[in-house]
């Protein structure tokens, strides 16, 4: 059986008799992984890491991007939790969130080892 947000599969040998897959959670996880699986976002993360903290202006100048493109990709990385922001006066600085990256890489590694 399938609804918009879940998929239930019947498995008589499974102790509960069925397996429920939360499709909304699955979709959210895919968005998080997709945030890392993009060359430009990988370049942005590398640049932020090299500088420890950096403004959007410095990012788009160093990578030769339009400001709107840099901001769009930073928003994706921020929404996925891979970058953090801090305000200093009128400037907003971006920094890498290593805890979040480690967390996602641990889960990814678990997925790959349970094939």
N, C-alpha and C. Protein backbone atom coordinates (compact mmCIF):
# COMPACT_ATOMS: atom_id res chain seq x y z
N UNK A 1 0.84 -1.17 0.00
CA UNK A 1 0.00 0.00 0.00
C UNK A 1 0.89 1.24 0.00
N UNK A 2 0.41 2.33 -0.67
CA UNK A 2 1.22 3.53 -0.77
C UNK A 2 0.35 4.76 -0.60
N UNK A 3 0.79 5.69 0.25
CA UNK A 3 0.14 7.00 0.34
C UNK A 3 1.14 8.01 -0.21
N UNK A 4 0.82 9.29 -0.08
CA UNK A 4 1.74 10.31 -0.56
C UNK A 4 3.02 10.37 0.27
N UNK A 5 2.96 9.89 1.51
CA UNK A 5 4.10 10.05 2.42
C UNK A 5 4.68 8.76 2.93
N UNK A 6 4.07 7.64 2.62
CA UNK A 6 4.63 6.38 3.11
C UNK A 6 4.35 5.25 2.14
N UNK A 7 5.16 4.24 2.27
CA UNK A 7 5.04 3.05 1.47
C UNK A 7 5.11 1.88 2.44
N UNK A 8 4.08 1.03 2.42
CA UNK A 8 4.07 -0.12 3.31
C UNK A 8 4.20 -1.38 2.48
N UNK A 9 5.20 -2.17 2.81
CA UNK A 9 5.46 -3.42 2.11
C UNK A 9 5.15 -4.59 3.05
N UNK A 10 4.53 -5.62 2.51
CA UNK A 10 4.18 -6.79 3.31
C UNK A 10 5.30 -7.81 3.30
N UNK A 11 5.70 -8.21 4.49
CA UNK A 11 6.72 -9.25 4.67
C UNK A 11 6.27 -10.15 5.80
N UNK A 12 5.58 -11.25 5.49
CA UNK A 12 5.08 -12.15 6.54
C UNK A 12 6.19 -12.66 7.46
N UNK A 13 7.40 -12.83 6.92
CA UNK A 13 8.50 -13.34 7.74
C UNK A 13 9.09 -12.27 8.67
N UNK A 14 8.79 -11.00 8.40
CA UNK A 14 9.25 -9.90 9.25
C UNK A 14 8.42 -9.90 10.53
N UNK A 15 9.03 -9.61 11.67
CA UNK A 15 8.31 -9.76 12.94
C UNK A 15 7.06 -8.88 13.04
N UNK A 16 7.04 -7.70 12.40
CA UNK A 16 5.84 -6.87 12.43
C UNK A 16 4.89 -7.22 11.27
N UNK A 17 5.34 -8.00 10.32
CA UNK A 17 4.51 -8.39 9.19
C UNK A 17 4.53 -7.42 8.04
N UNK A 18 5.03 -6.20 8.27
CA UNK A 18 5.13 -5.23 7.19
C UNK A 18 6.28 -4.26 7.49
N UNK A 19 6.67 -3.59 6.47
CA UNK A 19 7.76 -2.62 6.57
C UNK A 19 7.23 -1.29 6.05
N UNK A 20 7.27 -0.26 6.89
CA UNK A 20 6.78 1.05 6.48
C UNK A 20 7.95 1.96 6.17
N UNK A 21 7.92 2.54 4.99
CA UNK A 21 8.98 3.46 4.54
C UNK A 21 8.39 4.87 4.51
N UNK A 22 8.99 5.77 5.27
CA UNK A 22 8.54 7.15 5.30
C UNK A 22 9.16 7.89 4.11
N UNK A 23 8.36 8.12 3.08
CA UNK A 23 8.87 8.71 1.84
C UNK A 23 9.28 10.17 2.02
N UNK A 24 8.64 10.88 2.92
CA UNK A 24 9.01 12.27 3.17
C UNK A 24 10.40 12.35 3.80
N UNK A 25 10.67 11.45 4.75
CA UNK A 25 11.99 11.40 5.37
C UNK A 25 13.05 10.99 4.34
N UNK A 26 12.70 10.05 3.49
CA UNK A 26 13.61 9.60 2.44
C UNK A 26 13.94 10.74 1.48
N UNK A 27 12.93 11.52 1.13
CA UNK A 27 13.13 12.66 0.24
C UNK A 27 14.02 13.71 0.89
N UNK A 28 13.82 13.96 2.17
CA UNK A 28 14.66 14.93 2.89
C UNK A 28 16.11 14.47 2.92
N UNK A 29 16.32 13.18 3.15
CA UNK A 29 17.69 12.63 3.17
C UNK A 29 18.35 12.77 1.80
N UNK A 30 17.59 12.55 0.74
CA UNK A 30 18.13 12.68 -0.62
C UNK A 30 18.56 14.13 -0.89
N UNK A 31 17.77 15.09 -0.42
CA UNK A 31 18.11 16.51 -0.60
C UNK A 31 19.43 16.82 0.11
N UNK A 32 19.63 16.27 1.29
CA UNK A 32 20.86 16.49 2.04
C UNK A 32 22.06 15.91 1.30
N UNK A 33 21.93 14.69 0.81
CA UNK A 33 23.03 14.08 0.07
C UNK A 33 23.30 14.82 -1.24
N UNK A 34 22.23 15.25 -1.91
CA UNK A 34 22.39 16.00 -3.16
C UNK A 34 23.13 17.33 -2.94
N UNK A 35 22.98 17.89 -1.76
CA UNK A 35 23.67 19.15 -1.47
C UNK A 35 25.19 18.98 -1.56
N UNK A 36 25.68 17.82 -1.19
CA UNK A 36 27.12 17.55 -1.26
C UNK A 36 27.56 17.04 -2.62
N UNK A 37 26.64 16.44 -3.34
CA UNK A 37 26.98 15.80 -4.61
C UNK A 37 26.86 16.79 -5.77
N UNK A 38 27.59 17.90 -5.66
CA UNK A 38 27.55 18.94 -6.69
C UNK A 38 28.93 19.60 -6.72
N UNK A 39 29.54 19.65 -7.88
CA UNK A 39 30.93 20.15 -8.00
C UNK A 39 31.11 21.56 -7.46
N UNK A 40 30.20 22.47 -7.81
CA UNK A 40 30.36 23.86 -7.36
C UNK A 40 30.21 23.96 -5.85
N UNK A 41 29.25 23.23 -5.28
CA UNK A 41 29.10 23.27 -3.82
C UNK A 41 30.31 22.65 -3.13
N UNK A 42 30.92 21.65 -3.75
CA UNK A 42 32.15 21.07 -3.20
C UNK A 42 33.28 22.11 -3.24
N UNK A 43 33.36 22.89 -4.32
CA UNK A 43 34.36 23.95 -4.42
C UNK A 43 34.12 25.01 -3.34
N UNK A 44 32.85 25.37 -3.15
CA UNK A 44 32.51 26.37 -2.14
C UNK A 44 32.90 25.87 -0.76
N UNK A 45 32.57 24.62 -0.44
CA UNK A 45 32.94 24.05 0.86
C UNK A 45 34.46 24.05 1.05
N UNK A 46 35.19 23.68 0.01
CA UNK A 46 36.65 23.66 0.08
C UNK A 46 37.20 25.06 0.35
N UNK A 47 36.65 26.06 -0.35
CA UNK A 47 37.08 27.45 -0.17
C UNK A 47 36.78 27.94 1.25
N UNK A 48 35.60 27.62 1.73
CA UNK A 48 35.25 28.02 3.10
C UNK A 48 36.20 27.37 4.09
N UNK A 49 36.46 26.08 3.90
CA UNK A 49 37.35 25.35 4.80
C UNK A 49 38.76 25.94 4.78
N UNK A 50 39.26 26.27 3.61
CA UNK A 50 40.61 26.85 3.49
C UNK A 50 40.71 28.18 4.22
N UNK A 51 39.62 28.95 4.21
CA UNK A 51 39.62 30.28 4.83
C UNK A 51 39.08 30.28 6.26
N UNK A 52 38.54 29.16 6.70
CA UNK A 52 37.92 28.98 8.02
C UNK A 52 36.62 29.76 8.16
N UNK A 53 36.59 31.01 7.74
CA UNK A 53 35.34 31.76 7.65
C UNK A 53 35.49 32.78 6.53
N UNK A 54 34.37 33.01 5.82
CA UNK A 54 34.46 33.83 4.61
C UNK A 54 33.08 34.42 4.31
N UNK A 55 33.06 35.59 3.70
CA UNK A 55 31.79 36.22 3.33
C UNK A 55 31.36 35.75 1.94
N UNK A 56 30.09 35.93 1.65
CA UNK A 56 29.58 35.56 0.33
C UNK A 56 30.29 36.37 -0.76
N UNK A 57 30.62 37.61 -0.46
CA UNK A 57 31.32 38.45 -1.43
C UNK A 57 32.67 37.84 -1.79
N UNK A 58 33.42 37.42 -0.78
CA UNK A 58 34.72 36.80 -1.05
C UNK A 58 34.56 35.50 -1.84
N UNK A 59 33.51 34.75 -1.54
CA UNK A 59 33.26 33.49 -2.25
C UNK A 59 33.01 33.75 -3.73
N UNK A 60 32.08 34.67 -4.02
CA UNK A 60 31.76 34.84 -5.44
C UNK A 60 32.89 35.52 -6.22
N UNK A 61 33.68 36.35 -5.55
CA UNK A 61 34.83 36.95 -6.24
C UNK A 61 35.89 35.90 -6.53
N UNK A 62 36.25 35.09 -5.51
CA UNK A 62 37.31 34.10 -5.67
C UNK A 62 36.93 32.99 -6.65
N UNK A 63 35.65 32.63 -6.69
CA UNK A 63 35.22 31.57 -7.60
C UNK A 63 34.69 32.11 -8.93
N UNK A 64 34.71 33.42 -9.08
CA UNK A 64 34.24 34.09 -10.30
C UNK A 64 32.80 33.70 -10.64
N UNK A 65 31.92 33.90 -9.66
CA UNK A 65 30.51 33.56 -9.82
C UNK A 65 29.67 34.83 -9.75
N UNK A 66 28.46 34.72 -10.23
CA UNK A 66 27.48 35.78 -9.97
C UNK A 66 27.12 35.69 -8.49
N UNK A 67 26.83 36.83 -7.88
CA UNK A 67 26.48 36.86 -6.46
C UNK A 67 25.26 35.98 -6.19
N UNK A 68 24.27 36.03 -7.08
CA UNK A 68 23.04 35.26 -6.89
C UNK A 68 23.31 33.75 -6.93
N UNK A 69 24.25 33.33 -7.77
CA UNK A 69 24.60 31.90 -7.87
C UNK A 69 25.27 31.44 -6.58
N UNK A 70 26.22 32.23 -6.10
CA UNK A 70 26.90 31.88 -4.85
C UNK A 70 25.90 31.81 -3.71
N UNK A 71 25.02 32.78 -3.63
CA UNK A 71 24.01 32.81 -2.54
C UNK A 71 23.07 31.62 -2.62
N UNK A 72 22.67 31.26 -3.82
CA UNK A 72 21.77 30.12 -4.00
C UNK A 72 22.42 28.82 -3.51
N UNK A 73 23.67 28.61 -3.87
CA UNK A 73 24.36 27.38 -3.46
C UNK A 73 24.67 27.39 -1.96
N UNK A 74 24.99 28.56 -1.42
CA UNK A 74 25.21 28.66 0.03
C UNK A 74 23.93 28.36 0.80
N UNK A 75 22.79 28.79 0.26
CA UNK A 75 21.50 28.51 0.91
C UNK A 75 21.24 27.00 0.96
N UNK A 76 21.59 26.29 -0.10
CA UNK A 76 21.41 24.84 -0.14
C UNK A 76 22.32 24.17 0.89
N UNK A 77 23.57 24.60 0.95
CA UNK A 77 24.51 24.05 1.93
C UNK A 77 24.08 24.36 3.36
N UNK A 78 23.56 25.55 3.54
CA UNK A 78 23.10 25.96 4.88
C UNK A 78 21.87 25.18 5.30
N UNK A 79 20.93 25.01 4.38
CA UNK A 79 19.70 24.25 4.69
C UNK A 79 20.02 22.80 5.06
N UNK A 80 21.04 22.23 4.41
CA UNK A 80 21.46 20.87 4.71
C UNK A 80 22.31 20.79 5.98
N UNK A 81 22.69 21.94 6.50
CA UNK A 81 23.46 21.98 7.74
C UNK A 81 24.96 21.88 7.56
N UNK A 82 25.46 21.98 6.34
CA UNK A 82 26.89 21.81 6.08
C UNK A 82 27.70 23.08 6.32
N UNK A 83 27.04 24.23 6.32
CA UNK A 83 27.72 25.48 6.66
C UNK A 83 26.92 26.20 7.73
N UNK A 84 27.65 26.98 8.52
CA UNK A 84 27.05 27.80 9.57
C UNK A 84 27.32 29.26 9.24
N UNK A 85 26.53 30.13 9.80
CA UNK A 85 26.76 31.56 9.60
C UNK A 85 26.96 32.24 10.95
N UNK A 86 27.74 33.31 10.92
CA UNK A 86 27.90 34.16 12.10
C UNK A 86 27.98 35.60 11.61
N UNK A 87 27.42 36.48 12.40
CA UNK A 87 27.40 37.90 12.02
C UNK A 87 28.46 38.65 12.82
N UNK A 88 29.24 39.46 12.10
CA UNK A 88 30.20 40.36 12.74
C UNK A 88 29.97 41.74 12.14
N UNK A 89 29.30 42.58 12.89
CA UNK A 89 28.94 43.89 12.37
C UNK A 89 27.97 43.74 11.22
N UNK A 90 28.31 44.32 10.08
CA UNK A 90 27.41 44.22 8.93
C UNK A 90 27.72 43.01 8.04
N UNK A 91 28.73 42.22 8.40
CA UNK A 91 29.13 41.08 7.58
C UNK A 91 28.61 39.76 8.14
N UNK A 92 28.22 38.88 7.22
CA UNK A 92 27.83 37.52 7.59
C UNK A 92 28.92 36.60 7.07
N UNK A 93 29.49 35.83 7.97
CA UNK A 93 30.56 34.90 7.62
C UNK A 93 30.03 33.47 7.57
N UNK A 94 30.52 32.72 6.60
CA UNK A 94 30.18 31.31 6.47
C UNK A 94 31.37 30.49 6.94
N UNK A 95 31.06 29.41 7.65
CA UNK A 95 32.09 28.46 8.07
C UNK A 95 31.53 27.05 7.91
N UNK A 96 32.43 26.09 7.78
CA UNK A 96 32.03 24.69 7.61
C UNK A 96 31.54 24.15 8.94
N UNK A 97 30.52 23.30 8.89
CA UNK A 97 30.01 22.61 10.08
C UNK A 97 30.54 21.17 10.04
N UNK A 98 31.73 20.93 10.61
CA UNK A 98 32.34 19.60 10.50
C UNK A 98 31.54 18.50 11.18
N UNK A 99 30.83 18.84 12.25
CA UNK A 99 30.02 17.84 12.94
C UNK A 99 28.94 17.27 12.02
N UNK A 100 28.30 18.15 11.29
CA UNK A 100 27.24 17.72 10.37
C UNK A 100 27.82 16.88 9.23
N UNK A 101 28.94 17.31 8.68
CA UNK A 101 29.58 16.55 7.61
C UNK A 101 29.98 15.17 8.11
N UNK A 102 30.56 15.09 9.31
CA UNK A 102 30.94 13.79 9.88
C UNK A 102 29.72 12.90 10.07
N UNK A 103 28.63 13.49 10.56
CA UNK A 103 27.40 12.73 10.78
C UNK A 103 26.89 12.12 9.47
N UNK A 104 26.82 12.92 8.44
CA UNK A 104 26.32 12.44 7.15
C UNK A 104 27.26 11.39 6.56
N UNK A 105 28.56 11.60 6.71
CA UNK A 105 29.51 10.63 6.16
C UNK A 105 29.45 9.30 6.93
N UNK A 106 29.18 9.34 8.23
CA UNK A 106 29.01 8.10 9.00
C UNK A 106 27.81 7.32 8.49
N UNK A 107 26.68 8.01 8.29
CA UNK A 107 25.47 7.34 7.79
C UNK A 107 25.69 6.80 6.38
N UNK A 108 26.37 7.57 5.55
CA UNK A 108 26.65 7.14 4.19
C UNK A 108 27.52 5.89 4.20
N UNK A 109 28.51 5.90 5.05
CA UNK A 109 29.40 4.74 5.17
C UNK A 109 28.63 3.50 5.62
N UNK A 110 27.71 3.68 6.56
CA UNK A 110 26.87 2.56 7.02
C UNK A 110 26.02 2.01 5.88
N UNK A 111 25.46 2.90 5.08
CA UNK A 111 24.65 2.46 3.94
C UNK A 111 25.48 1.63 2.96
N UNK A 112 26.70 2.05 2.74
CA UNK A 112 27.54 1.37 1.76
C UNK A 112 28.08 0.03 2.27
N UNK A 113 28.21 -0.13 3.57
CA UNK A 113 28.75 -1.36 4.12
C UNK A 113 27.66 -2.41 4.35
N UNK A 114 26.40 -2.04 4.26
CA UNK A 114 25.30 -2.99 4.48
C UNK A 114 24.63 -3.38 3.16
N UNK A 115 25.42 -3.73 2.17
CA UNK A 115 24.85 -4.08 0.87
C UNK A 115 24.54 -5.56 0.82
